[in-house]
Amino acid sequence: MDSPLRGRPRVQETADDIVASVLATAGPRVGTSAYSTRSIAELTGLSQSLASRAVSRIRYPENMVESPPGTTSAYSKFAAQGHSPLALAEFWVEFPSIAVRFEPVTTPGMARPRVFERRAASLMAALWVSGAAAWSSDRPTKLEAHPQREGPYTVTWVPGEGSWEDFLARVSNLLSSCERSPAAVPSALLQRLASRVGHGLHGVRWVRGVDTAPESPLASDSNRVTVTEFPSPGRSERNRWLPRVELSATEQIAIALRKEMTDSGFAPGDRISVSAMTDRLGLDPGTVRTGMRQLADDGLLVSHDRGFRVPQLNGADVIDLYASRLHVGMVILRACAIQPKHRLLPARLALGALEAVARQGSRADVGEADLRFQQELAEASGLTQSARSFHALTLRVRMFISVLKLDYSPAADRLVSEDRRILAAVLEGRSKDAVRVWRTKQDNAVRHMSAVAPDTFDAALWDNLSH
């Protein structure tokens, strides 16, 4: 008979990964009550004891020299030795290496220990889920270019030159020697980490005084929220709870095209230059042309002898697109309603982002956050083909929104209400209720979009296709 397994319960390890993903993607808002252990437990479906233990284990790794969960012993000891408290000064990633530098505080900030601890936990969580522990030591390190790699308050991770666990413990120890002010872990750094954590933190370059906005007395927890483009499939095992982030060349081109349309005022029928897109993206012309041909095949561009143009749109195109999304979405919601609740964590996080954007974001962010929530539901459904189809349709919706210059900010409250009701119904297994709200949501969207389409909205056609 096999002996019982020893060590930490598997459920706690899973809880650690889930909570780390929540904290790592929170950004400056991590200091608010929305990220208390009770709120995290409600968000993730974990018990509060599991969530609380996970936060502690992330913030204070097991092999720390100091092990003071919930105390300030390391900080007090540091101060008693006559040292000035520290603050983060630099966070620098040059794959496959990481450098984290602290420096003594010269201008003390406002003490807010609880907010500081949540920010410190968010930084540790970003490292936790980055996947850096698996980086290979075969590739040469590039950190020689880092301006201050060495020093008493600098910690570096170089694969093959020490253990990942020791690196985490050293960072955590230095965080415990920081002043208990939110300014010690600035908003700008948390925002950068939240946006890059799904990329394994590749490309993070943050230096205090160079890449940070001044901290307000209230710790800048209300910084404006922005929403990134929804990425394509490809989560790693370690950060499987995070939003997807790897974009294909075709998707990068689609994103750049939408931005060009917004920034340059492109209208239906305008020519899109391959050379201009090549310069914007930094890709070779052949890759850009291939991507644009794929977009043309998908109906997002029109191909002609001399290149590509922004498509002309009519009411029938809008109805066709939304009828397709309506019916694929109904299948997705029915599948989501029978999935384990933990699979819906990314959708819950996306809903939280929509709620924040509705309060603090730009008008473009509201529609994007809503679409991201929908796509996370598609990914949670477990239906690979349906999720891919829905993603393709969503790319086209984004293009339509850009071409028609739609503004969804007046509908922000309605979007939040609809998405809350959909998620609540799915979590409770009420697929019929979720589908009913979804149908109303699409009906509202298609009528809003068709109102600015070039020709008259065919209500009879929509009613026929949507029922």
Protein backbone atom coordinates (compact mmCIF):
# COMPACT_ATOMS: atom_id res chain seq x y z
CA MET A 1 0.00 0.00 0.00
CA ASP A 2 1.37 3.41 -0.99
CA SER A 3 2.36 5.71 1.83
CA PRO A 4 0.37 8.92 2.11
CA LEU A 5 1.71 11.96 0.28
CA ARG A 6 3.61 14.42 2.43
CA GLY A 7 4.03 18.16 2.14
CA ARG A 8 1.56 20.92 1.30
CA PRO A 9 -1.95 19.95 0.23
CA ARG A 10 -2.42 20.21 -3.51
CA VAL A 11 -5.46 22.42 -2.99
CA GLN A 12 -3.27 25.03 -1.28
CA GLU A 13 -0.76 25.00 -4.14
CA THR A 14 -3.58 25.57 -6.61
CA ALA A 15 -4.96 28.35 -4.40
CA ASP A 16 -1.49 29.93 -4.30
CA ASP A 17 -1.30 30.06 -8.10
CA ILE A 18 -4.83 31.46 -8.43
CA VAL A 19 -4.33 34.15 -5.80
CA ALA A 20 -0.91 35.05 -7.22
CA SER A 21 -2.52 35.64 -10.61
CA VAL A 22 -5.17 37.89 -9.06
CA LEU A 23 -2.57 39.95 -7.19
CA ALA A 24 -0.13 40.11 -10.09
CA THR A 25 -2.69 41.59 -12.47
CA ALA A 26 -4.28 44.00 -9.98
CA GLY A 27 -1.98 46.95 -10.64
CA PRO A 28 -2.24 49.97 -8.30
CA ARG A 29 -5.76 48.94 -7.27
CA VAL A 30 -4.27 46.13 -5.19
CA GLY A 31 -4.18 48.51 -2.24
CA THR A 32 -7.95 48.97 -2.21
CA SER A 33 -10.57 46.92 -0.36
CA ALA A 34 -11.30 45.09 -3.62
CA TYR A 35 -8.16 43.04 -2.87
CA SER A 36 -8.71 42.20 0.77
CA THR A 37 -8.45 38.47 1.48
CA ARG A 38 -12.24 38.38 1.86
CA SER A 39 -12.72 40.02 -1.55
CA ILE A 40 -10.17 37.71 -3.15
CA ALA A 41 -11.96 34.70 -1.66
CA GLU A 42 -15.28 35.92 -3.09
CA LEU A 43 -13.69 36.59 -6.47
CA THR A 44 -11.98 33.22 -6.77
CA GLY A 45 -14.48 30.96 -5.00
CA LEU A 46 -11.79 29.93 -2.49
CA SER A 47 -12.35 29.89 1.24
CA GLN A 48 -11.05 32.96 3.04
CA SER A 49 -8.58 30.84 5.00
CA LEU A 50 -7.11 29.44 1.76
CA ALA A 51 -6.94 32.90 0.22
CA SER A 52 -5.35 34.42 3.33
CA ARG A 53 -2.79 31.63 3.57
CA ALA A 54 -1.99 32.04 -0.14
CA VAL A 55 -1.35 35.78 0.22
CA SER A 56 0.98 35.12 3.16
CA ARG A 57 2.88 32.36 1.34
CA ILE A 58 3.33 34.57 -1.73
CA ARG A 59 4.50 37.57 0.27
CA TYR A 60 6.73 35.56 2.61
CA PRO A 61 8.39 32.56 0.91
CA GLU A 62 9.06 29.58 3.15
CA ASN A 63 12.84 29.87 3.10
CA MET A 64 13.05 33.54 4.12
CA VAL A 65 15.75 34.39 6.61
CA GLU A 66 13.05 36.36 8.44
CA SER A 67 9.62 34.76 8.57
CA PRO A 68 7.29 37.43 9.89
CA PRO A 69 3.87 37.05 8.21
CA GLY A 70 1.71 39.84 9.55
CA THR A 71 4.52 41.53 11.52
CA THR A 72 7.16 44.20 10.96
CA SER A 73 10.05 42.44 12.72
CA ALA A 74 12.42 42.66 9.76
CA TYR A 75 11.67 46.35 9.32
CA SER A 76 12.12 47.03 13.04
CA LYS A 77 15.39 45.11 13.14
CA PHE A 78 16.66 46.98 10.10
CA ALA A 79 15.78 50.35 11.65
CA ALA A 80 17.27 49.37 15.02
CA GLN A 81 20.63 48.80 13.32
CA GLY A 82 20.64 52.44 12.28
CA HIS A 83 19.70 51.90 8.64
CA SER A 84 17.32 54.15 6.77
CA PRO A 85 14.21 52.39 5.47
CA LEU A 86 14.33 51.30 1.84
CA ALA A 87 12.16 51.81 -1.23
CA LEU A 88 12.19 50.15 -4.62
CA ALA A 89 14.47 52.01 -7.00
CA GLU A 90 14.65 49.80 -10.07
CA PHE A 91 13.07 46.73 -11.63
CA TRP A 92 14.89 45.57 -14.72
CA VAL A 93 14.31 42.47 -16.87
CA GLU A 94 16.76 41.42 -19.58
CA PHE A 95 15.83 37.86 -20.47
CA PRO A 96 16.93 35.54 -19.00
CA SER A 97 17.78 37.69 -15.97
CA ILE A 98 16.03 39.97 -13.48
CA ALA A 99 17.48 42.71 -11.27
CA VAL A 100 15.57 44.34 -8.41
CA ARG A 101 17.27 47.28 -6.72
CA PHE A 102 16.30 49.08 -3.51
CA GLU A 103 17.72 52.29 -2.09
CA PRO A 104 17.45 54.20 1.21
CA VAL A 105 14.52 56.60 1.42
CA THR A 106 15.43 60.27 1.34
CA THR A 107 11.93 61.74 1.57
CA PRO A 108 9.60 59.69 3.78
CA GLY A 109 6.16 58.92 2.45
CA MET A 110 2.84 58.65 4.24
CA ALA A 111 2.73 55.48 6.34
CA ARG A 112 -0.04 53.12 5.25
CA PRO A 113 1.14 49.63 6.28
CA ARG A 114 -1.84 47.70 4.93
CA VAL A 115 -1.61 49.26 1.48
CA PHE A 116 2.15 48.76 1.44
CA GLU A 117 1.82 45.06 2.31
CA ARG A 118 -0.72 44.52 -0.47
CA ARG A 119 1.56 46.26 -2.94
CA ALA A 120 4.51 44.18 -1.78
CA ALA A 121 2.43 41.02 -2.18
CA SER A 122 1.48 42.13 -5.71
CA LEU A 123 5.13 42.53 -6.67
CA MET A 124 6.01 39.13 -5.21
CA ALA A 125 3.03 37.63 -7.06
CA ALA A 126 4.28 39.05 -10.37
CA LEU A 127 7.58 37.23 -9.81
CA TRP A 128 5.70 34.12 -8.65
CA VAL A 129 3.70 33.70 -11.87
CA SER A 130 6.28 35.05 -14.31
CA GLY A 131 7.68 31.63 -15.18
CA ALA A 132 11.22 32.96 -14.64
CA ALA A 133 12.06 29.94 -12.46
CA ALA A 134 12.03 27.83 -15.64
CA TRP A 135 14.25 30.14 -17.69
CA SER A 136 17.16 28.30 -19.20
CA SER A 137 20.74 29.05 -18.20
CA ASP A 138 21.95 28.05 -21.68
CA ARG A 139 21.35 31.51 -23.13
CA PRO A 140 23.86 34.27 -22.35
CA THR A 141 22.67 36.85 -19.85
CA LYS A 142 22.37 40.46 -20.99
CA LEU A 143 22.38 42.10 -17.58
CA GLU A 144 25.89 43.50 -18.09
CA ALA A 145 24.05 46.52 -19.53
CA HIS A 146 22.17 47.06 -16.29
CA PRO A 147 23.49 50.25 -14.67
CA GLN A 148 23.64 49.05 -11.07
CA ARG A 149 23.62 45.29 -10.97
CA GLU A 150 25.75 45.05 -7.82
CA GLY A 151 25.12 46.56 -4.41
CA PRO A 152 23.96 45.73 -0.89
CA TYR A 153 20.32 46.32 -1.78
CA THR A 154 20.28 44.73 -5.26
CA VAL A 155 18.98 41.22 -5.92
CA THR A 156 19.52 39.50 -9.25
CA TRP A 157 18.16 36.33 -10.77
CA VAL A 158 20.41 34.60 -13.28
CA PRO A 159 19.51 30.98 -14.15
CA GLY A 160 22.17 28.60 -12.95
CA GLU A 161 23.60 31.07 -10.39
CA GLY A 162 21.46 30.23 -7.37
CA SER A 163 17.99 28.99 -6.68
CA TRP A 164 14.78 30.77 -7.62
CA GLU A 165 13.48 30.23 -4.09
CA ASP A 166 16.47 32.08 -2.61
CA PHE A 167 15.95 34.93 -5.05
CA LEU A 168 12.31 35.30 -3.98
CA ALA A 169 13.30 35.15 -0.31
CA ARG A 170 15.90 37.89 -0.75
CA VAL A 171 13.45 40.18 -2.55
CA SER A 172 10.88 39.56 0.17
CA ASN A 173 13.42 40.31 2.91
CA LEU A 174 14.31 43.64 1.32
CA LEU A 175 10.62 44.48 0.94
CA SER A 176 10.31 43.86 4.67
CA SER A 177 13.02 46.49 5.18
CA CYS A 178 11.11 49.11 3.18
CA GLU A 179 9.24 52.01 4.72
CA ARG A 180 5.58 51.14 5.26
CA SER A 181 4.45 53.64 2.64
CA PRO A 182 2.72 52.91 -0.69
CA ALA A 183 5.38 55.09 -2.32
CA ALA A 184 7.95 52.38 -1.52
CA VAL A 185 6.28 50.22 -4.22
CA PRO A 186 5.03 52.85 -6.69
CA SER A 187 1.89 52.73 -8.78
CA ALA A 188 3.82 53.09 -12.04
CA LEU A 189 5.80 49.92 -11.34
CA LEU A 190 2.69 47.95 -10.36
CA GLN A 191 0.96 49.08 -13.54
CA ARG A 192 3.96 47.99 -15.63
CA LEU A 193 4.17 44.60 -13.92
CA ALA A 194 0.42 43.99 -14.32
CA SER A 195 0.61 44.71 -18.04
CA ARG A 196 3.70 42.54 -18.64
CA VAL A 197 3.32 39.66 -16.19
CA GLY A 198 1.66 37.44 -18.78
CA HIS A 199 4.69 38.01 -21.00
CA GLY A 200 6.95 36.61 -18.27
CA LEU A 201 7.84 40.25 -17.39
CA HIS A 202 9.86 40.48 -20.60
CA GLY A 203 10.60 44.09 -21.43
CA VAL A 204 9.97 45.59 -17.98
CA ARG A 205 12.29 48.57 -17.49
CA TRP A 206 11.34 50.71 -14.51
CA VAL A 207 13.58 53.23 -12.75
CA ARG A 208 12.41 55.50 -9.94
CA GLY A 209 12.41 59.14 -10.98
CA VAL A 210 12.55 58.24 -14.65
CA ASP A 211 9.53 56.04 -15.31
CA THR A 212 7.11 56.86 -12.52
CA ALA A 213 4.42 59.40 -11.81
CA PRO A 214 4.42 61.23 -8.47
CA GLU A 215 2.59 59.41 -5.72
CA SER A 216 -0.43 61.21 -4.30
CA PRO A 217 -1.02 61.34 -0.52
CA LEU A 218 -3.63 58.64 -1.03
CA ALA A 219 -1.20 56.31 -2.80
CA SER A 220 -2.55 56.79 -6.33
CA ASP A 221 -4.83 53.79 -6.07
CA SER A 222 -7.29 55.51 -8.40
CA ASN A 223 -4.99 55.72 -11.44
CA ARG A 224 -6.89 55.59 -14.70
CA VAL A 225 -7.43 52.05 -15.87
CA THR A 226 -6.61 50.97 -19.39
CA VAL A 227 -7.43 47.70 -21.09
CA THR A 228 -5.05 45.81 -23.33
CA GLU A 229 -6.03 43.98 -26.48
CA PHE A 230 -7.41 40.51 -25.94
CA PRO A 231 -4.66 38.04 -26.82
CA SER A 232 -4.63 34.75 -28.64
CA PRO A 233 -4.44 31.25 -27.08
CA GLY A 234 -1.23 30.15 -25.37
CA ARG A 235 -1.09 30.17 -21.57
CA SER A 236 1.81 28.43 -19.93
CA GLU A 237 1.16 25.92 -17.19
CA ARG A 238 2.53 28.19 -14.49
CA ASN A 239 0.45 31.25 -15.37
CA ARG A 240 -2.61 29.39 -16.63
CA TRP A 241 -4.88 31.66 -14.57
CA LEU A 242 -3.67 34.80 -16.34
CA PRO A 243 -5.21 36.41 -19.42
CA ARG A 244 -3.55 35.23 -22.62
CA VAL A 245 -0.92 37.55 -24.02
CA GLU A 246 0.87 36.09 -27.04
CA LEU A 247 -0.29 37.78 -30.24
CA SER A 248 0.22 36.44 -33.74
CA ALA A 249 1.58 38.74 -36.44
CA THR A 250 -1.88 38.88 -37.99
CA GLU A 251 -3.43 39.99 -34.69
CA GLN A 252 -0.70 42.60 -34.20
CA ILE A 253 -1.53 43.98 -37.64
CA ALA A 254 -5.25 43.98 -36.82
CA ILE A 255 -4.56 45.90 -33.61
CA ALA A 256 -2.33 48.41 -35.39
CA LEU A 257 -4.94 48.88 -38.11
CA ARG A 258 -7.62 49.69 -35.56
CA LYS A 259 -5.32 52.20 -33.90
CA GLU A 260 -4.49 53.74 -37.27
CA MET A 261 -8.20 54.11 -37.96
CA THR A 262 -8.74 55.79 -34.61
CA ASP A 263 -5.66 58.02 -34.70
CA SER A 264 -5.69 58.92 -38.39
CA GLY A 265 -9.42 59.06 -38.99
CA PHE A 266 -9.55 56.40 -41.70
CA ALA A 267 -12.98 55.98 -43.24
CA PRO A 268 -14.55 53.13 -45.24
CA GLY A 269 -12.86 52.86 -48.62
CA ASP A 270 -9.55 54.47 -47.56
CA ARG A 271 -6.34 52.81 -48.73
CA ILE A 272 -4.09 51.10 -46.16
CA SER A 273 -0.41 51.08 -47.12
CA VAL A 274 1.62 47.91 -46.58
CA SER A 275 4.81 49.97 -46.24
CA ALA A 276 3.23 52.19 -43.57
CA MET A 277 2.14 49.16 -41.56
CA THR A 278 5.61 47.64 -42.00
CA ASP A 279 7.21 50.76 -40.51
CA ARG A 280 4.70 50.90 -37.65
CA LEU A 281 5.07 47.26 -36.61
CA GLY A 282 8.75 46.72 -37.32
CA LEU A 283 7.96 43.51 -39.20
CA ASP A 284 9.23 42.54 -42.63
CA PRO A 285 6.99 43.49 -45.60
CA GLY A 286 6.27 39.87 -46.51
CA THR A 287 4.91 39.11 -43.04
CA VAL A 288 2.78 42.25 -43.07
CA ARG A 289 1.39 41.54 -46.53
CA THR A 290 0.56 37.95 -45.54
CA GLY A 291 -1.18 39.17 -42.39
CA MET A 292 -3.17 41.76 -44.30
CA ARG A 293 -4.24 39.13 -46.82
CA GLN A 294 -5.48 37.02 -43.91
CA LEU A 295 -7.42 40.01 -42.62
CA ALA A 296 -8.91 40.44 -46.08
CA ASP A 297 -9.93 36.76 -46.11
CA ASP A 298 -11.63 37.36 -42.76
CA GLY A 299 -13.50 40.38 -44.09
CA LEU A 300 -11.53 42.92 -42.05
CA LEU A 301 -9.91 44.47 -45.14
CA VAL A 302 -10.69 44.60 -48.84
CA SER A 303 -7.94 43.44 -51.20
CA HIS A 304 -7.51 45.01 -54.62
CA ASP A 305 -4.84 45.22 -57.30
CA ARG A 306 -2.91 48.05 -55.65
CA GLY A 307 -3.15 46.94 -52.03
CA PHE A 308 -5.80 47.01 -49.32
CA ARG A 309 -8.67 49.27 -48.30
CA VAL A 310 -10.89 49.77 -45.28
CA PRO A 311 -14.11 47.86 -46.02
CA GLN A 312 -17.39 49.55 -46.79
CA LEU A 313 -20.02 48.52 -44.24
CA ASN A 314 -23.77 48.27 -44.40
CA GLY A 315 -26.55 47.26 -42.05
CA ALA A 316 -26.69 43.73 -43.43
CA ASP A 317 -22.99 43.22 -42.57
CA VAL A 318 -23.65 44.30 -39.00
CA ILE A 319 -26.66 42.01 -38.65
CA ASP A 320 -24.77 39.06 -40.16
CA LEU A 321 -21.86 39.56 -37.73
CA TYR A 322 -23.97 39.93 -34.60
CA ALA A 323 -26.27 37.04 -35.48
CA SER A 324 -23.19 34.81 -35.74
CA ARG A 325 -21.82 36.02 -32.41
CA LEU A 326 -25.22 35.63 -30.80
CA HIS A 327 -25.54 31.96 -31.66
CA VAL A 328 -21.92 31.00 -30.98
CA GLY A 329 -22.17 32.85 -27.68
CA MET A 330 -25.29 30.91 -26.69
CA VAL A 331 -23.38 27.64 -27.14
CA ILE A 332 -20.47 29.03 -25.13
CA LEU A 333 -22.65 30.14 -22.21
CA ARG A 334 -24.38 26.77 -22.00
CA ALA A 335 -20.96 25.12 -21.82
CA CYS A 336 -19.69 27.61 -19.20
CA ALA A 337 -22.66 26.85 -16.95
CA ILE A 338 -21.46 23.25 -16.48
CA GLN A 339 -17.77 24.08 -15.99
CA PRO A 340 -16.06 24.06 -12.55
CA LYS A 341 -16.16 27.54 -11.04
CA HIS A 342 -12.39 27.94 -10.99
CA ARG A 343 -12.33 27.90 -14.79
CA LEU A 344 -14.28 31.16 -14.76
CA LEU A 345 -11.65 33.06 -12.77
CA PRO A 346 -10.28 34.93 -15.84
CA ALA A 347 -13.85 36.01 -16.68
CA ARG A 348 -14.30 37.28 -13.12
CA LEU A 349 -11.07 39.24 -13.38
CA ALA A 350 -12.18 40.64 -16.73
CA LEU A 351 -15.48 41.74 -15.20
CA GLY A 352 -13.55 43.49 -12.44
CA ALA A 353 -11.52 45.30 -15.11
CA LEU A 354 -14.74 46.38 -16.87
CA GLU A 355 -16.14 47.71 -13.59
CA ALA A 356 -12.94 49.69 -12.97
CA VAL A 357 -12.86 51.02 -16.54
CA ALA A 358 -16.50 52.10 -16.31
CA ARG A 359 -15.49 54.29 -13.37
CA GLN A 360 -12.05 55.45 -14.44
CA GLY A 361 -11.26 54.52 -18.03
CA SER A 362 -11.50 56.10 -21.45
CA ARG A 363 -14.44 55.66 -23.79
CA ALA A 364 -12.42 53.26 -25.98
CA ASP A 365 -11.60 51.12 -22.95
CA VAL A 366 -15.24 50.50 -22.04
CA GLY A 367 -16.07 48.63 -25.23
CA GLU A 368 -12.73 46.81 -25.19
CA ALA A 369 -13.19 45.66 -21.59
CA ASP A 370 -16.65 44.34 -22.42
CA LEU A 371 -15.31 42.38 -25.41
CA ARG A 372 -12.50 40.97 -23.30
CA PHE A 373 -14.98 39.71 -20.71
CA GLN A 374 -16.94 37.97 -23.47
CA GLN A 375 -13.81 36.34 -24.88
CA GLU A 376 -12.74 35.09 -21.44
CA LEU A 377 -16.11 33.35 -21.16
CA ALA A 378 -15.43 31.75 -24.53
CA GLU A 379 -12.03 30.51 -23.34
CA ALA A 380 -13.59 29.16 -20.12
CA SER A 381 -16.20 27.14 -22.01
CA GLY A 382 -13.79 24.33 -22.85
CA LEU A 383 -15.03 24.43 -26.47
CA THR A 384 -11.87 25.05 -28.50
CA GLN A 385 -13.51 25.46 -31.89
CA SER A 386 -16.29 27.71 -30.59
CA ALA A 387 -13.77 29.87 -28.71
CA ARG A 388 -11.69 30.31 -31.87
CA SER A 389 -14.75 31.16 -33.92
CA PHE A 390 -15.88 33.65 -31.31
CA HIS A 391 -12.42 35.22 -31.24
CA ALA A 392 -12.46 35.67 -35.03
CA LEU A 393 -15.89 37.29 -34.83
CA THR A 394 -14.67 39.57 -32.04
CA LEU A 395 -11.77 40.78 -34.20
CA ARG A 396 -14.33 41.79 -36.79
CA VAL A 397 -16.51 43.54 -34.21
CA ARG A 398 -13.49 45.60 -33.15
CA MET A 399 -12.86 46.57 -36.75
CA PHE A 400 -16.50 47.58 -37.19
CA ILE A 401 -16.36 49.68 -34.02
CA SER A 402 -13.26 51.47 -35.32
CA VAL A 403 -14.65 52.07 -38.81
CA LEU A 404 -17.98 53.34 -37.49
CA LYS A 405 -16.28 55.30 -34.66
CA LEU A 406 -18.70 54.00 -32.06
CA ASP A 407 -18.67 55.34 -28.52
CA TYR A 408 -19.82 52.88 -25.86
CA SER A 409 -19.09 55.07 -22.84
CA PRO A 410 -22.75 56.22 -22.46
CA ALA A 411 -23.68 52.54 -22.20
CA ALA A 412 -21.01 51.69 -19.60
CA ASP A 413 -23.43 51.13 -16.74
CA ARG A 414 -25.64 48.92 -18.88
CA LEU A 415 -22.67 46.85 -20.06
CA VAL A 416 -21.53 46.30 -16.48
CA SER A 417 -25.04 45.30 -15.40
CA GLU A 418 -25.46 42.87 -18.29
CA ASP A 419 -22.08 41.23 -17.73
CA ARG A 420 -22.66 40.89 -13.99
CA ARG A 421 -25.97 39.13 -14.64
CA ILE A 422 -24.44 36.84 -17.25
CA LEU A 423 -21.56 35.80 -14.98
CA ALA A 424 -23.83 35.31 -11.96
CA ALA A 425 -26.15 33.08 -13.99
CA VAL A 426 -23.26 31.05 -15.38
CA LEU A 427 -21.68 30.57 -11.96
CA GLU A 428 -25.01 29.33 -10.59
CA GLY A 429 -25.57 26.98 -13.54
CA ARG A 430 -28.56 28.95 -14.86
CA SER A 431 -27.73 28.69 -18.54
CA LYS A 432 -31.20 29.76 -19.72
CA ASP A 433 -30.97 33.00 -17.75
CA ALA A 434 -27.45 33.65 -19.06
CA VAL A 435 -28.60 33.09 -22.65
CA ARG A 436 -31.59 35.38 -22.15
CA VAL A 437 -29.38 38.26 -20.94
CA TRP A 438 -26.89 37.54 -23.73
CA ARG A 439 -29.65 37.77 -26.34
CA THR A 440 -30.76 41.15 -24.96
CA LYS A 441 -27.15 42.33 -24.86
CA GLN A 442 -26.57 41.48 -28.52
CA ASP A 443 -29.89 43.04 -29.50
CA ASN A 444 -28.84 46.29 -27.83
CA ALA A 445 -25.41 46.17 -29.48
CA VAL A 446 -26.60 45.50 -33.01
CA ARG A 447 -29.18 48.26 -32.87
CA HIS A 448 -26.58 50.69 -31.53
CA MET A 449 -24.11 49.77 -34.28
CA SER A 450 -26.71 49.72 -37.06
CA ALA A 451 -27.91 53.17 -36.07
CA VAL A 452 -24.72 54.62 -37.55
CA ALA A 453 -24.36 52.17 -40.45
CA PRO A 454 -24.65 53.65 -43.95
CA ASP A 455 -28.04 52.14 -44.80
CA THR A 456 -31.29 51.48 -43.01
CA PHE A 457 -31.38 48.84 -40.30
CA ASP A 458 -33.43 45.84 -41.41
CA ALA A 459 -35.26 44.96 -38.20
CA ALA A 460 -37.11 42.07 -39.84
CA LEU A 461 -33.83 40.44 -40.95
CA TRP A 462 -32.35 40.76 -37.46
CA ASP A 463 -35.44 39.31 -35.81
CA ASN A 464 -35.42 36.41 -38.26
CA LEU A 465 -31.74 35.57 -37.70
CA SER A 466 -31.67 36.09 -33.96
CA HIS A 467 -34.57 33.83 -32.99
